[in-house]
Amino acid sequence: MSSSTGVSPAAFIAGWALSHPPLISNQHAMGMLGEMMKGFGHAEEVHGWVAAMAGIFDTRSWTAAWAHGTAPTAAAEYLGKRCGQAVEHELRAPGKDLTAQQRNRLWEFWAKRMTVDAAAKALEHWGGDRQAVTHVVTTATSGWTEPGVSANLVHTLGLSEETAKQELNFNGCFCGQTCLRLARDLVMAGHALGERRVVLVAAVENASNQVNLADGTRNGAICHSLFSDGAAAFVVAPEGIWEMTSAGMAIVPNSMETLTMTPVAQGTADPDRSSFHMVLSPQVGPMLAKYFQPQGRGHSILTRVFGQRGWGQGAAKPALAVHPGGPRILDVLNPVFQDCFGFGPQALQYSYATMRKFGNLGCAASLFVLVSVFETRGAEDSVLALAFGPGVTVEHATFQRARPATSDDEGN
């Protein structure tokens, strides 16, 4: 397809950046979580579940002051606050959990700061005029307020008052990549209209504010132990460093009940619950593995994408930026990519490394993996990105390096 100018429309990743609190040992974090839960009368097996999660990551990204505890990071500064110093909204009486209002205020305190930090650095990496940004697209799952993070970005970063904003809240882990897909659509549609569009994308999570100390279920212990805090921001423009060559979304059949989220108290057996409720079935991993095997629709989708991109048998394979949803998901998908698509045993190296370093960053997780690929010297010149979330939803996108890597492309 060509625009009215005769130039084929295209959208590029022109800048990116991350923001996250100082990393703490996951063993320390899980130890602190176990200590915090002791005042809630849980059975010993509950503490065993939490302790067992200590080994799944090396470090993790949490803003919660109690998580830093006696760790060296307690004295470190992050976005104007000492990590071990509790803000007003974190204070609780012994044996009491945070209220829903406290959680909302904590989310707003951190989410807006992290998105501004990541977005400001992404704009600097891009190097363009902030007034040239035409759209802001944001997402978050661990909380929301209005005016939200997108309006805050417009006000705080000095963007044009005519910047069009869209917030895709409470979608789940796939939605950071959804924002990139929509940004691509906006930029490419601008070609057809003769408009130059530049889209600022931001994905943020502050999952530690949703840790429910009173939840003594196995599902609760796993969910608390998986999710982390951080923000990723990207600038998508008509020219840049990586062309976003394709993007799409699909739903895994018969998967509605395997991965769910509900806001405070709604649909749960506990009407006094003050946090979001999430169900993460152990069947998510096997279901995704089956989806991408030869009889699954996911296999057909990737086969089509591989053909379009020239990644067929015998051709050089792209880097994989797969959502690091947890060890089980990556462990079942790794052999699928080897056996069904011809990748080597290290195909998911970027996903594993991101997961071990940060934990599961929700809607920002796959974007953290993408940045890892983009900033790795000597990495592949093409990328296939996959993100998963409730639905079960699968986002897929491909990227091609548009110009040689430089030192400016690293370390943002």
Protein backbone atom coordinates (compact mmCIF):
# COMPACT_ATOMS: atom_id res chain seq x y z
CA MET A 1 0.00 0.00 0.00
CA SER A 2 1.27 3.48 -0.83
CA SER A 3 0.22 6.84 0.56
CA SER A 4 -0.85 9.88 -1.46
CA THR A 5 2.81 10.91 -1.46
CA GLY A 6 3.80 7.71 -3.24
CA VAL A 7 5.88 6.56 -0.27
CA SER A 8 4.98 3.24 1.34
CA PRO A 9 3.75 3.91 4.89
CA ALA A 10 5.98 2.64 7.67
CA ALA A 11 6.35 3.09 11.42
CA PHE A 12 9.58 2.93 13.39
CA ILE A 13 10.72 2.65 16.96
CA ALA A 14 12.63 5.91 17.24
CA GLY A 15 13.42 5.98 20.95
CA TRP A 16 12.92 3.99 24.14
CA ALA A 17 13.71 3.98 27.84
CA LEU A 18 12.92 2.13 31.06
CA SER A 19 12.33 3.15 34.65
CA HIS A 20 12.44 0.82 37.63
CA PRO A 21 13.41 1.02 41.32
CA PRO A 22 16.78 -0.32 42.48
CA LEU A 23 16.79 -4.11 42.23
CA ILE A 24 16.69 -6.20 45.38
CA SER A 25 17.57 -9.84 45.92
CA ASN A 26 14.46 -11.92 45.33
CA GLN A 27 15.38 -14.10 48.28
CA HIS A 28 15.38 -11.00 50.47
CA ALA A 29 12.09 -9.78 48.97
CA MET A 30 10.35 -13.11 49.56
CA GLY A 31 11.75 -13.23 53.08
CA MET A 32 10.30 -9.80 53.79
CA LEU A 33 6.98 -10.83 52.24
CA GLY A 34 6.90 -13.90 54.50
CA GLU A 35 7.59 -11.72 57.55
CA MET A 36 4.81 -9.31 56.58
CA MET A 37 2.34 -12.19 56.21
CA LYS A 38 3.06 -13.68 59.64
CA GLY A 39 0.60 -11.38 61.36
CA PHE A 40 -2.36 -12.73 59.38
CA GLY A 41 -2.67 -16.23 60.86
CA HIS A 42 -1.80 -18.19 57.73
CA ALA A 43 -1.09 -21.91 57.85
CA GLU A 44 2.55 -22.95 57.68
CA GLU A 45 2.11 -24.23 54.13
CA VAL A 46 1.33 -20.68 52.98
CA HIS A 47 4.73 -19.50 54.19
CA GLY A 48 6.22 -22.51 52.43
CA TRP A 49 4.68 -21.43 49.14
CA VAL A 50 6.15 -17.93 49.50
CA ALA A 51 9.58 -19.28 50.48
CA ALA A 52 9.55 -21.61 47.45
CA MET A 53 9.16 -18.60 45.15
CA ALA A 54 12.45 -17.09 46.34
CA GLY A 55 14.47 -19.05 43.80
CA ILE A 56 12.49 -18.28 40.65
CA PHE A 57 14.20 -14.88 40.10
CA ASP A 58 17.64 -13.54 40.97
CA THR A 59 16.50 -10.00 41.69
CA ARG A 60 13.25 -8.13 41.42
CA SER A 61 11.84 -4.65 40.94
CA TRP A 62 9.56 -3.51 43.78
CA THR A 63 8.85 0.02 45.04
CA ALA A 64 7.30 -1.17 48.34
CA ALA A 65 9.36 0.21 51.22
CA TRP A 66 8.87 -2.94 53.32
CA ALA A 67 10.38 -5.08 50.53
CA HIS A 68 13.68 -3.19 50.71
CA GLY A 69 13.76 -3.59 54.49
CA THR A 70 17.37 -4.13 55.60
CA ALA A 71 18.67 -4.53 52.03
CA PRO A 72 21.42 -2.17 50.82
CA THR A 73 18.84 -0.53 48.53
CA ALA A 74 16.88 0.76 51.54
CA ALA A 75 19.06 3.89 51.56
CA ALA A 76 19.09 4.30 47.77
CA GLU A 77 17.14 7.13 46.13
CA TYR A 78 14.58 6.49 43.41
CA LEU A 79 12.53 9.30 41.90
CA GLY A 80 13.03 11.55 44.90
CA LYS A 81 12.34 9.00 47.66
CA ARG A 82 14.50 6.74 49.77
CA CYS A 83 13.54 3.15 48.88
CA GLY A 84 13.25 1.97 52.48
CA GLN A 85 11.22 4.97 53.63
CA ALA A 86 7.48 4.35 53.62
CA VAL A 87 5.25 7.03 52.17
CA GLU A 88 2.04 7.93 54.00
CA HIS A 89 -0.11 5.59 51.93
CA GLU A 90 2.02 2.55 52.93
CA LEU A 91 1.42 2.89 56.68
CA ARG A 92 -0.75 0.19 58.22
CA ALA A 93 -1.67 -1.03 61.68
CA PRO A 94 -0.27 -4.42 62.85
CA GLY A 95 -2.34 -7.26 61.40
CA LYS A 96 -4.09 -4.92 58.96
CA ASP A 97 -3.67 -4.81 55.21
CA LEU A 98 -3.76 -1.72 53.02
CA THR A 99 -7.18 -0.32 52.20
CA ALA A 100 -8.34 0.02 48.61
CA GLN A 101 -7.93 3.80 48.93
CA GLN A 102 -4.32 3.40 50.09
CA ARG A 103 -3.58 1.10 47.17
CA ASN A 104 -5.04 3.59 44.70
CA ARG A 105 -2.98 6.44 46.14
CA LEU A 106 0.18 4.32 46.13
CA TRP A 107 -0.41 3.38 42.53
CA GLU A 108 -0.91 7.01 41.53
CA PHE A 109 2.18 8.10 43.50
CA TRP A 110 4.44 5.62 41.72
CA ALA A 111 2.82 5.10 38.32
CA LYS A 112 2.87 8.77 37.36
CA ARG A 113 6.47 9.21 38.53
CA MET A 114 7.71 6.10 36.71
CA THR A 115 5.96 6.92 33.42
CA VAL A 116 7.28 10.49 33.44
CA ASP A 117 10.80 9.20 34.13
CA ALA A 118 10.68 6.58 31.35
CA ALA A 119 8.91 8.85 28.85
CA ALA A 120 11.27 11.79 29.40
CA LYS A 121 14.27 9.56 28.77
CA ALA A 122 12.61 7.99 25.69
CA LEU A 123 11.97 11.44 24.23
CA GLU A 124 15.58 12.37 24.89
CA HIS A 125 16.73 9.17 23.19
CA TRP A 126 14.56 10.03 20.18
CA GLY A 127 15.96 13.57 20.08
CA GLY A 128 12.96 15.20 18.41
CA ASP A 129 10.81 18.17 19.35
CA ARG A 130 8.35 17.28 22.12
CA GLN A 131 5.78 19.54 20.49
CA ALA A 132 5.88 17.19 17.49
CA VAL A 133 4.32 14.36 19.54
CA THR A 134 0.76 14.00 18.25
CA HIS A 135 -0.51 11.05 20.32
CA VAL A 136 0.06 9.43 23.70
CA VAL A 137 -1.00 5.81 24.23
CA THR A 138 -0.63 4.30 27.70
CA THR A 139 -1.55 1.17 29.60
CA ALA A 140 -1.53 -0.12 33.17
CA THR A 141 -3.12 -3.06 34.95
CA SER A 142 -2.23 -2.64 38.62
CA GLY A 143 -4.31 0.53 39.12
CA TRP A 144 -5.82 3.56 37.45
CA THR A 145 -7.03 7.07 38.21
CA GLU A 146 -8.45 9.90 36.17
CA PRO A 147 -6.90 12.12 35.06
CA GLY A 148 -4.56 9.27 34.29
CA VAL A 149 -0.94 8.76 33.36
CA SER A 150 -1.48 9.93 29.76
CA ALA A 151 -2.87 13.33 30.79
CA ASN A 152 -0.08 13.59 33.35
CA LEU A 153 2.51 12.99 30.61
CA VAL A 154 1.02 15.77 28.48
CA HIS A 155 1.05 18.23 31.37
CA THR A 156 4.38 17.25 32.92
CA LEU A 157 6.50 16.78 29.81
CA GLY A 158 5.40 19.95 28.04
CA LEU A 159 3.64 18.20 25.15
CA SER A 160 1.20 20.07 22.95
CA GLU A 161 -2.21 20.66 24.51
CA GLU A 162 -3.65 19.16 21.31
CA THR A 163 -1.92 15.83 21.87
CA ALA A 164 -4.51 13.08 21.46
CA LYS A 165 -4.39 10.63 24.37
CA GLN A 166 -5.63 7.07 24.76
CA GLU A 167 -5.44 4.91 27.90
CA LEU A 168 -5.86 1.13 27.65
CA ASN A 169 -6.21 0.26 31.32
CA PHE A 170 -6.82 -3.07 33.07
CA ASN A 171 -6.06 -5.19 30.01
CA GLY A 172 -3.17 -7.29 31.30
CA CYS A 173 0.30 -8.35 30.32
CA PHE A 174 -0.23 -8.26 26.54
CA CYS A 175 -1.21 -4.61 26.42
CA GLY A 176 2.17 -2.90 26.27
CA GLN A 177 2.57 -4.54 22.90
CA THR A 178 -1.01 -3.58 22.01
CA CYS A 179 -0.01 0.05 22.53
CA LEU A 180 2.89 -0.37 20.10
CA ARG A 181 0.53 -1.93 17.54
CA LEU A 182 -1.92 0.95 17.84
CA ALA A 183 0.95 3.45 17.64
CA ARG A 184 2.06 1.77 14.41
CA ASP A 185 -1.48 2.03 13.04
CA LEU A 186 -1.66 5.72 13.93
CA VAL A 187 1.66 6.57 12.29
CA MET A 188 0.86 4.59 9.14
CA ALA A 189 -2.65 6.09 8.89
CA GLY A 190 -1.04 9.51 9.08
CA HIS A 191 0.87 8.73 5.89
CA ALA A 192 -2.41 8.26 4.01
CA LEU A 193 -3.76 11.56 5.35
CA GLY A 194 -0.60 13.47 4.63
CA GLU A 195 0.02 13.95 8.34
CA ARG A 196 3.24 13.37 10.24
CA ARG A 197 2.35 11.56 13.47
CA VAL A 198 4.63 10.78 16.39
CA VAL A 199 3.28 8.56 19.16
CA LEU A 200 4.58 8.34 22.72
CA VAL A 201 3.80 4.92 24.25
CA ALA A 202 4.10 4.16 27.96
CA ALA A 203 3.34 0.99 29.92
CA VAL A 204 3.57 0.98 33.71
CA GLU A 205 2.92 -1.37 36.60
CA ASN A 206 3.07 -0.92 40.37
CA ALA A 207 2.09 -4.47 41.26
CA SER A 208 3.61 -4.36 44.75
CA ASN A 209 0.74 -2.10 45.87
CA GLN A 210 -1.66 -4.99 45.12
CA VAL A 211 0.13 -7.53 47.34
CA ASN A 212 -2.63 -8.85 49.61
CA LEU A 213 -1.08 -10.03 52.88
CA ALA A 214 -4.39 -11.53 54.01
CA ASP A 215 -4.65 -13.81 50.95
CA GLY A 216 -3.53 -17.24 52.12
CA THR A 217 -4.31 -19.14 48.93
CA ARG A 218 -1.70 -20.83 46.77
CA ASN A 219 -2.87 -18.77 43.80
CA GLY A 220 -2.44 -15.59 45.85
CA ALA A 221 1.07 -16.52 46.98
CA ILE A 222 2.13 -17.22 43.40
CA CYS A 223 0.62 -14.01 42.02
CA HIS A 224 2.16 -11.85 44.75
CA SER A 225 5.54 -13.45 44.12
CA LEU A 226 5.54 -13.09 40.31
CA PHE A 227 4.69 -9.48 39.58
CA SER A 228 6.94 -6.43 39.78
CA ASP A 229 7.09 -2.66 39.30
CA GLY A 230 8.45 -0.59 36.42
CA ALA A 231 7.68 1.46 33.33
CA ALA A 232 8.71 1.33 29.68
CA ALA A 233 8.31 4.10 27.12
CA PHE A 234 8.74 4.12 23.35
CA VAL A 235 8.56 6.77 20.65
CA VAL A 236 6.98 5.53 17.41
CA ALA A 237 7.57 7.77 14.38
CA PRO A 238 7.73 7.79 10.55
CA GLU A 239 11.48 7.17 10.77
CA GLY A 240 13.74 5.64 13.37
CA ILE A 241 15.98 2.79 14.44
CA TRP A 242 13.75 -0.30 14.18
CA GLU A 243 10.91 -0.61 11.67
CA MET A 244 7.81 -2.26 13.11
CA THR A 245 7.12 -4.43 10.08
CA SER A 246 3.98 -6.26 11.22
CA ALA A 247 1.63 -6.54 14.19
CA GLY A 248 -1.49 -8.48 15.10
CA MET A 249 -3.58 -10.03 17.86
CA ALA A 250 -5.35 -13.35 18.35
CA ILE A 251 -7.38 -15.14 21.04
CA VAL A 252 -6.55 -18.66 22.21
CA PRO A 253 -9.74 -20.77 21.97
CA ASN A 254 -11.42 -22.08 25.13
CA SER A 255 -9.12 -20.10 27.41
CA MET A 256 -11.42 -17.55 29.06
CA GLU A 257 -11.21 -18.98 32.58
CA THR A 258 -7.49 -19.75 32.73
CA LEU A 259 -6.23 -16.19 33.27
CA THR A 260 -8.59 -13.69 34.86
CA MET A 261 -8.57 -10.42 36.78
CA THR A 262 -11.30 -8.64 38.72
CA PRO A 263 -11.20 -5.22 40.44
CA VAL A 264 -11.61 -4.82 44.19
CA ALA A 265 -14.09 -7.34 45.67
CA GLN A 266 -16.05 -7.85 42.46
CA GLY A 267 -16.69 -11.50 41.71
CA THR A 268 -14.65 -12.79 44.66
CA ALA A 269 -15.68 -14.84 47.66
CA ASP A 270 -14.21 -12.15 49.94
CA PRO A 271 -16.35 -8.97 49.91
CA ASP A 272 -13.82 -7.24 52.20
CA ARG A 273 -10.94 -7.76 49.80
CA SER A 274 -9.09 -4.49 49.19
CA SER A 275 -6.88 -5.61 46.29
CA PHE A 276 -7.40 -6.84 42.75
CA HIS A 277 -8.06 -10.55 42.41
CA MET A 278 -6.19 -12.56 39.80
CA VAL A 279 -6.41 -16.20 38.77
CA LEU A 280 -3.37 -17.66 37.04
CA SER A 281 -4.10 -21.27 36.09
CA PRO A 282 -1.18 -23.71 35.76
CA GLN A 283 -2.78 -24.66 32.43
CA VAL A 284 -1.82 -21.35 30.77
CA GLY A 285 1.65 -22.61 29.80
CA PRO A 286 0.52 -25.96 28.34
CA MET A 287 -2.34 -24.23 26.54
CA LEU A 288 0.06 -21.77 24.88
CA ALA A 289 2.44 -24.59 23.98
CA LYS A 290 -0.40 -26.48 22.27
CA TYR A 291 -1.51 -23.26 20.54
CA PHE A 292 1.90 -22.84 18.86
CA GLN A 293 2.33 -26.51 17.94
CA PRO A 294 1.46 -27.66 14.37
CA GLN A 295 -2.24 -28.29 15.04
CA GLY A 296 -2.77 -24.94 16.75
CA ARG A 297 -3.87 -21.66 15.24
CA GLY A 298 -0.82 -19.96 16.71
CA HIS A 299 1.43 -22.17 14.61
CA SER A 300 -0.42 -21.08 11.47
CA ILE A 301 -0.10 -17.42 12.43
CA LEU A 302 3.64 -17.65 13.04
CA THR A 303 4.17 -19.72 9.90
CA ARG A 304 2.46 -16.99 7.89
CA VAL A 305 4.55 -14.29 9.61
CA PHE A 306 7.75 -16.25 9.03
CA GLY A 307 6.91 -16.58 5.35
CA GLN A 308 6.18 -12.88 4.99
CA ARG A 309 9.44 -11.95 6.68
CA GLY A 310 11.61 -14.50 4.84
CA TRP A 311 12.37 -16.49 8.00
CA GLY A 312 11.68 -19.89 6.44
CA GLN A 313 13.65 -23.08 6.82
CA GLY A 314 17.39 -22.49 6.45
CA ALA A 315 17.07 -18.71 6.81
CA ALA A 316 18.50 -16.69 9.69
CA LYS A 317 16.11 -16.63 12.62
CA PRO A 318 14.97 -13.47 14.40
CA ALA A 319 15.62 -12.72 18.03
CA LEU A 320 12.65 -13.73 20.18
CA ALA A 321 11.18 -11.23 22.63
CA VAL A 322 8.59 -13.42 24.37
CA HIS A 323 6.61 -12.20 27.36
CA PRO A 324 8.32 -13.51 30.52
CA GLY A 325 5.10 -14.47 32.26
CA GLY A 326 6.84 -16.91 34.57
CA PRO A 327 9.22 -19.87 34.54
CA ARG A 328 6.53 -22.40 33.63
CA ILE A 329 5.41 -20.46 30.57
CA LEU A 330 8.92 -19.99 29.21
CA ASP A 331 9.91 -23.58 30.05
CA VAL A 332 7.07 -25.05 27.98
CA LEU A 333 7.47 -22.62 25.08
CA ASN A 334 11.23 -23.01 24.69
CA PRO A 335 11.07 -26.57 23.25
CA VAL A 336 8.13 -25.56 21.02
CA PHE A 337 10.23 -22.92 19.29
CA GLN A 338 13.08 -25.41 18.93
CA ASP A 339 11.04 -28.36 17.65
CA CYS A 340 8.42 -26.53 15.58
CA PHE A 341 10.27 -23.48 14.27
CA GLY A 342 13.92 -24.51 14.20
CA PHE A 343 15.29 -22.18 16.88
CA GLY A 344 18.31 -23.06 19.02
CA PRO A 345 18.19 -23.88 22.75
CA GLN A 346 18.98 -20.24 23.68
CA ALA A 347 16.06 -18.83 21.70
CA LEU A 348 14.37 -17.35 24.78
CA GLN A 349 17.55 -16.00 26.35
CA TYR A 350 16.31 -12.39 26.40
CA SER A 351 13.04 -13.40 28.06
CA TYR A 352 14.72 -15.56 30.70
CA ALA A 353 17.27 -12.85 31.48
CA THR A 354 14.58 -10.18 31.84
CA MET A 355 12.46 -12.43 34.06
CA ARG A 356 15.37 -13.35 36.34
CA LYS A 357 16.39 -9.71 36.67
CA PHE A 358 13.04 -7.98 37.16
CA GLY A 359 10.24 -10.52 37.64
CA ASN A 360 7.02 -10.24 35.63
CA LEU A 361 6.45 -6.56 34.87
CA GLY A 362 2.91 -7.08 33.59
CA CYS A 363 2.01 -4.86 30.63
CA ALA A 364 5.58 -3.52 30.52
CA ALA A 365 7.26 -6.95 30.61
CA SER A 366 7.50 -7.67 26.89
CA LEU A 367 8.67 -4.10 26.31
CA PHE A 368 11.53 -4.63 28.76
CA VAL A 369 12.50 -7.72 26.74
CA LEU A 370 12.38 -5.71 23.51
CA VAL A 371 14.70 -3.08 24.99
CA SER A 372 17.08 -5.87 26.01
CA VAL A 373 17.22 -7.04 22.39
CA PHE A 374 17.50 -3.53 20.98
CA GLU A 375 20.39 -2.66 23.28
CA THR A 376 22.42 -5.88 22.94
CA ARG A 377 25.45 -5.29 20.78
CA GLY A 378 25.70 -7.98 18.11
CA ALA A 379 22.07 -9.05 18.52
CA GLU A 380 20.00 -10.12 15.55
CA ASP A 381 18.75 -7.50 13.06
CA SER A 382 15.17 -8.79 13.21
CA VAL A 383 12.86 -9.53 16.13
CA LEU A 384 9.66 -11.47 16.72
CA ALA A 385 7.81 -10.27 19.82
CA LEU A 386 5.00 -12.14 21.57
CA ALA A 387 2.96 -11.06 24.58
CA PHE A 388 0.21 -12.91 26.45
CA GLY A 389 -2.56 -11.93 28.84
CA PRO A 390 -6.22 -12.45 29.79
CA GLY A 391 -8.42 -13.75 27.01
CA VAL A 392 -6.07 -15.63 26.62
CA THR A 393 -4.81 -12.91 24.28
CA VAL A 394 -1.71 -13.20 22.10
CA GLU A 395 -0.07 -10.11 20.64
CA HIS A 396 2.53 -10.65 17.92
CA ALA A 397 4.80 -8.15 16.19
CA THR A 398 7.95 -8.10 14.07
CA PHE A 399 10.75 -5.57 13.90
CA GLN A 400 13.63 -5.01 11.47
CA ARG A 401 16.69 -2.90 12.20
CA ALA A 402 16.53 0.13 9.92
CA ARG A 403 20.02 1.48 10.52
CA PRO A 404 23.24 0.18 12.08
CA ALA A 405 23.41 0.17 15.86
CA THR A 406 25.36 2.97 17.54
CA SER A 407 26.44 3.62 21.11
CA ASP A 408 23.49 6.03 21.39
CA ASP A 409 21.15 3.05 21.07
CA GLU A 410 22.42 1.46 24.27
CA GLY A 411 21.90 2.05 27.93
CA ASN A 412 18.72 4.14 27.96
